Amino acid sequence: MAGEYRFIGKNIPRKNAGEIVSGAARYINDIKMTNLLHGKVLRSPYPHAIIKRVDKGKALALPGVHAVLTHEDVPDWKGGTPRVVRVLDRRVRFVGDAVALVAAETEAIAEEALRLPGR
């Protein structure tokens, strides 16, 4: 029965075996990406609230901040399973629900933008 199958029961050499044993193979950790932005999420301290306004001015004025997004800036992005809840909504439903998203050049700058007053 083993003679009937093309691959089952046969030795098949790996095409990249030479690269692996010589150390030439590239893995995901070997790839260095540049010019990436770091994202952080401003989370709600309240279990239930309606967002009246978010003042993004001070965060956007911070050097290194490229974008601040609130429910007013994004399309009707859905999340969850099934996808029925907006990712950024005017209403926060639990402590830790997303209020705003910040994109900055470094993680420290993004965190600083989240700490700025004006919310």
C-alpha atoms as a PDB file:
ATOM      1  CA  MET A   1       0.000   0.000   0.000  1.00  0.00           C
ATOM      2  CA  ALA A   2       2.962   2.355   0.628  1.00  0.00           C
ATOM      3  CA  GLY A   3       3.843   2.200  -3.067  1.00  0.00           C
ATOM      4  CA  GLU A   4       0.496   3.793  -4.000  1.00  0.00           C
ATOM      5  CA  TYR A   5       1.167   7.131  -2.303  1.00  0.00           C
ATOM      6  CA  ARG A   6       3.270   9.939  -3.676  1.00  0.00           C
ATOM      7  CA  PHE A   7       4.480  11.417  -0.351  1.00  0.00           C
ATOM      8  CA  ILE A   8       3.292   9.162   2.503  1.00  0.00           C
ATOM      9  CA  GLY A   9       6.050   6.903   3.758  1.00  0.00           C
ATOM     10  CA  LYS A  10       8.715   8.621   1.631  1.00  0.00           C
ATOM     11  CA  ASN A  11      11.720  10.690   2.663  1.00  0.00           C
ATOM     12  CA  ILE A  12      11.322  14.177   1.254  1.00  0.00           C
ATOM     13  CA  PRO A  13      14.313  16.503   1.734  1.00  0.00           C
ATOM     14  CA  ARG A  14      13.589  20.038   2.917  1.00  0.00           C
ATOM     15  CA  LYS A  15      14.287  22.662   0.289  1.00  0.00           C
ATOM     16  CA  ASN A  16      15.735  25.075   2.850  1.00  0.00           C
ATOM     17  CA  ALA A  17      17.756  22.545   4.884  1.00  0.00           C
ATOM     18  CA  GLY A  18      21.074  24.001   3.723  1.00  0.00           C
ATOM     19  CA  GLU A  19      20.064  27.511   4.744  1.00  0.00           C
ATOM     20  CA  ILE A  20      18.907  26.330   8.150  1.00  0.00           C
ATOM     21  CA  VAL A  21      22.016  24.347   9.084  1.00  0.00           C
ATOM     22  CA  SER A  22      24.389  27.012   7.757  1.00  0.00           C
ATOM     23  CA  GLY A  23      22.622  29.809   9.656  1.00  0.00           C
ATOM     24  CA  ALA A  24      21.693  31.691   6.492  1.00  0.00           C
ATOM     25  CA  ALA A  25      17.938  31.255   6.936  1.00  0.00           C
ATOM     26  CA  ARG A  26      16.064  34.438   7.896  1.00  0.00           C
ATOM     27  CA  TYR A  27      13.448  34.344  10.625  1.00  0.00           C
ATOM     28  CA  ILE A  28      10.903  36.957  11.695  1.00  0.00           C
ATOM     29  CA  ASN A  29      13.165  38.152  14.538  1.00  0.00           C
ATOM     30  CA  ASP A  30      15.956  38.806  12.020  1.00  0.00           C
ATOM     31  CA  ILE A  31      13.895  41.451  10.220  1.00  0.00           C
ATOM     32  CA  LYS A  32      14.521  45.004  11.432  1.00  0.00           C
ATOM     33  CA  MET A  33      11.736  47.413  10.568  1.00  0.00           C
ATOM     34  CA  THR A  34      12.316  51.150  10.539  1.00  0.00           C
ATOM     35  CA  ASN A  35      10.116  54.242  10.619  1.00  0.00           C
ATOM     36  CA  LEU A  36       7.334  52.546  12.577  1.00  0.00           C
ATOM     37  CA  LEU A  37       4.952  54.386  14.888  1.00  0.00           C
ATOM     38  CA  HIS A  38       4.028  53.266  18.384  1.00  0.00           C
ATOM     39  CA  GLY A  39       0.352  53.142  19.292  1.00  0.00           C
ATOM     40  CA  LYS A  40      -1.254  53.565  22.698  1.00  0.00           C
ATOM     41  CA  VAL A  41      -4.867  53.507  23.840  1.00  0.00           C
ATOM     42  CA  LEU A  42      -6.460  55.958  26.260  1.00  0.00           C
ATOM     43  CA  ARG A  43      -8.778  53.849  28.393  1.00  0.00           C
ATOM     44  CA  SER A  44     -11.830  54.899  30.370  1.00  0.00           C
ATOM     45  CA  PRO A  45     -11.649  55.041  34.179  1.00  0.00           C
ATOM     46  CA  TYR A  46     -15.478  54.919  34.300  1.00  0.00           C
ATOM     47  CA  PRO A  47     -17.748  51.886  34.051  1.00  0.00           C
ATOM     48  CA  HIS A  48     -20.399  53.777  32.063  1.00  0.00           C
ATOM     49  CA  ALA A  49     -20.161  57.231  30.516  1.00  0.00           C
ATOM     50  CA  ILE A  50     -20.921  59.297  27.455  1.00  0.00           C
ATOM     51  CA  ILE A  51     -17.960  61.213  26.002  1.00  0.00           C
ATOM     52  CA  LYS A  52     -18.917  64.856  25.552  1.00  0.00           C
ATOM     53  CA  ARG A  53     -15.614  65.951  24.025  1.00  0.00           C
ATOM     54  CA  VAL A  54     -11.935  65.053  23.815  1.00  0.00           C
ATOM     55  CA  ASP A  55      -9.487  67.943  23.471  1.00  0.00           C
ATOM     56  CA  LYS A  56      -6.721  66.609  21.234  1.00  0.00           C
ATOM     57  CA  GLY A  57      -4.874  69.926  20.849  1.00  0.00           C
ATOM     58  CA  LYS A  58      -2.153  69.463  23.484  1.00  0.00           C
ATOM     59  CA  ALA A  59      -1.476  65.872  22.462  1.00  0.00           C
ATOM     60  CA  LEU A  60      -1.211  66.785  18.772  1.00  0.00           C
ATOM     61  CA  ALA A  61       1.106  69.716  19.637  1.00  0.00           C
ATOM     62  CA  LEU A  62       3.529  67.362  21.405  1.00  0.00           C
ATOM     63  CA  PRO A  63       6.592  66.779  19.172  1.00  0.00           C
ATOM     64  CA  GLY A  64       6.639  63.218  17.862  1.00  0.00           C
ATOM     65  CA  VAL A  65       2.876  62.662  17.942  1.00  0.00           C
ATOM     66  CA  HIS A  66       1.528  61.870  14.470  1.00  0.00           C
ATOM     67  CA  ALA A  67      -2.156  61.192  15.168  1.00  0.00           C
ATOM     68  CA  VAL A  68      -4.807  61.190  17.871  1.00  0.00           C
ATOM     69  CA  LEU A  69      -8.050  59.432  16.983  1.00  0.00           C
ATOM     70  CA  THR A  70     -11.391  59.540  18.796  1.00  0.00           C
ATOM     71  CA  HIS A  71     -14.863  58.272  17.936  1.00  0.00           C
ATOM     72  CA  GLU A  72     -15.340  61.385  15.781  1.00  0.00           C
ATOM     73  CA  ASP A  73     -12.331  60.560  13.578  1.00  0.00           C
ATOM     74  CA  VAL A  74     -12.790  56.900  12.729  1.00  0.00           C
ATOM     75  CA  PRO A  75     -15.311  55.135  10.534  1.00  0.00           C
ATOM     76  CA  ASP A  76     -17.699  52.620  12.005  1.00  0.00           C
ATOM     77  CA  TRP A  77     -14.933  50.161  13.003  1.00  0.00           C
ATOM     78  CA  LYS A  78     -16.425  47.107  14.715  1.00  0.00           C
ATOM     79  CA  GLY A  79     -14.773  44.701  17.134  1.00  0.00           C
ATOM     80  CA  GLY A  80     -15.624  41.714  19.281  1.00  0.00           C
ATOM     81  CA  THR A  81     -17.174  38.412  18.344  1.00  0.00           C
ATOM     82  CA  PRO A  82     -19.487  38.861  16.553  1.00  0.00           C
ATOM     83  CA  ARG A  83     -18.311  42.262  15.334  1.00  0.00           C
ATOM     84  CA  VAL A  84     -21.082  44.428  16.723  1.00  0.00           C
ATOM     85  CA  VAL A  85     -19.349  46.876  19.093  1.00  0.00           C
ATOM     86  CA  ARG A  86     -17.571  49.943  17.745  1.00  0.00           C
ATOM     87  CA  VAL A  87     -13.846  50.093  18.525  1.00  0.00           C
ATOM     88  CA  LEU A  88     -14.149  53.792  19.418  1.00  0.00           C
ATOM     89  CA  ASP A  89     -17.607  54.892  20.466  1.00  0.00           C
ATOM     90  CA  ARG A  90     -19.158  57.949  22.073  1.00  0.00           C
ATOM     91  CA  ARG A  91     -20.317  55.682  24.891  1.00  0.00           C
ATOM     92  CA  VAL A  92     -17.900  53.776  27.127  1.00  0.00           C
ATOM     93  CA  ARG A  93     -19.401  50.625  28.593  1.00  0.00           C
ATOM     94  CA  PHE A  94     -16.790  49.405  31.092  1.00  0.00           C
ATOM     95  CA  VAL A  95     -13.628  50.451  32.910  1.00  0.00           C
ATOM     96  CA  GLY A  96     -10.839  50.100  30.360  1.00  0.00           C
ATOM     97  CA  ASP A  97     -12.988  50.686  27.270  1.00  0.00           C
ATOM     98  CA  ALA A  98     -11.100  52.571  24.526  1.00  0.00           C
ATOM     99  CA  VAL A  99     -11.599  56.346  24.395  1.00  0.00           C
ATOM    100  CA  ALA A 100      -8.798  57.504  22.058  1.00  0.00           C
ATOM    101  CA  LEU A 101      -5.848  56.144  20.076  1.00  0.00           C
ATOM    102  CA  VAL A 102      -2.433  57.838  19.865  1.00  0.00           C
ATOM    103  CA  ALA A 103       0.297  57.182  17.283  1.00  0.00           C
ATOM    104  CA  ALA A 104       3.761  58.571  18.079  1.00  0.00           C
ATOM    105  CA  GLU A 105       7.421  58.088  17.160  1.00  0.00           C
ATOM    106  CA  THR A 106       8.276  56.439  20.492  1.00  0.00           C
ATOM    107  CA  GLU A 107       6.325  54.592  23.150  1.00  0.00           C
ATOM    108  CA  ALA A 108       7.316  57.199  25.746  1.00  0.00           C
ATOM    109  CA  ILE A 109       5.957  60.063  23.634  1.00  0.00           C
ATOM    110  CA  ALA A 110       2.676  58.173  23.111  1.00  0.00           C
ATOM    111  CA  GLU A 111       2.337  57.595  26.859  1.00  0.00           C
ATOM    112  CA  GLU A 112       3.108  61.258  27.562  1.00  0.00           C
ATOM    113  CA  ALA A 113       0.395  62.319  25.101  1.00  0.00           C
ATOM    114  CA  LEU A 114      -2.112  60.149  26.992  1.00  0.00           C
ATOM    115  CA  ARG A 115      -1.176  61.831  30.306  1.00  0.00           C
ATOM    116  CA  LEU A 116      -1.662  65.404  29.049  1.00  0.00           C
ATOM    117  CA  PRO A 117      -4.587  67.309  30.569  1.00  0.00           C
ATOM    118  CA  GLY A 118      -7.431  68.562  28.455  1.00  0.00           C
ATOM    119  CA  ARG A 119      -9.735  65.606  28.397  1.00  0.00           C
END
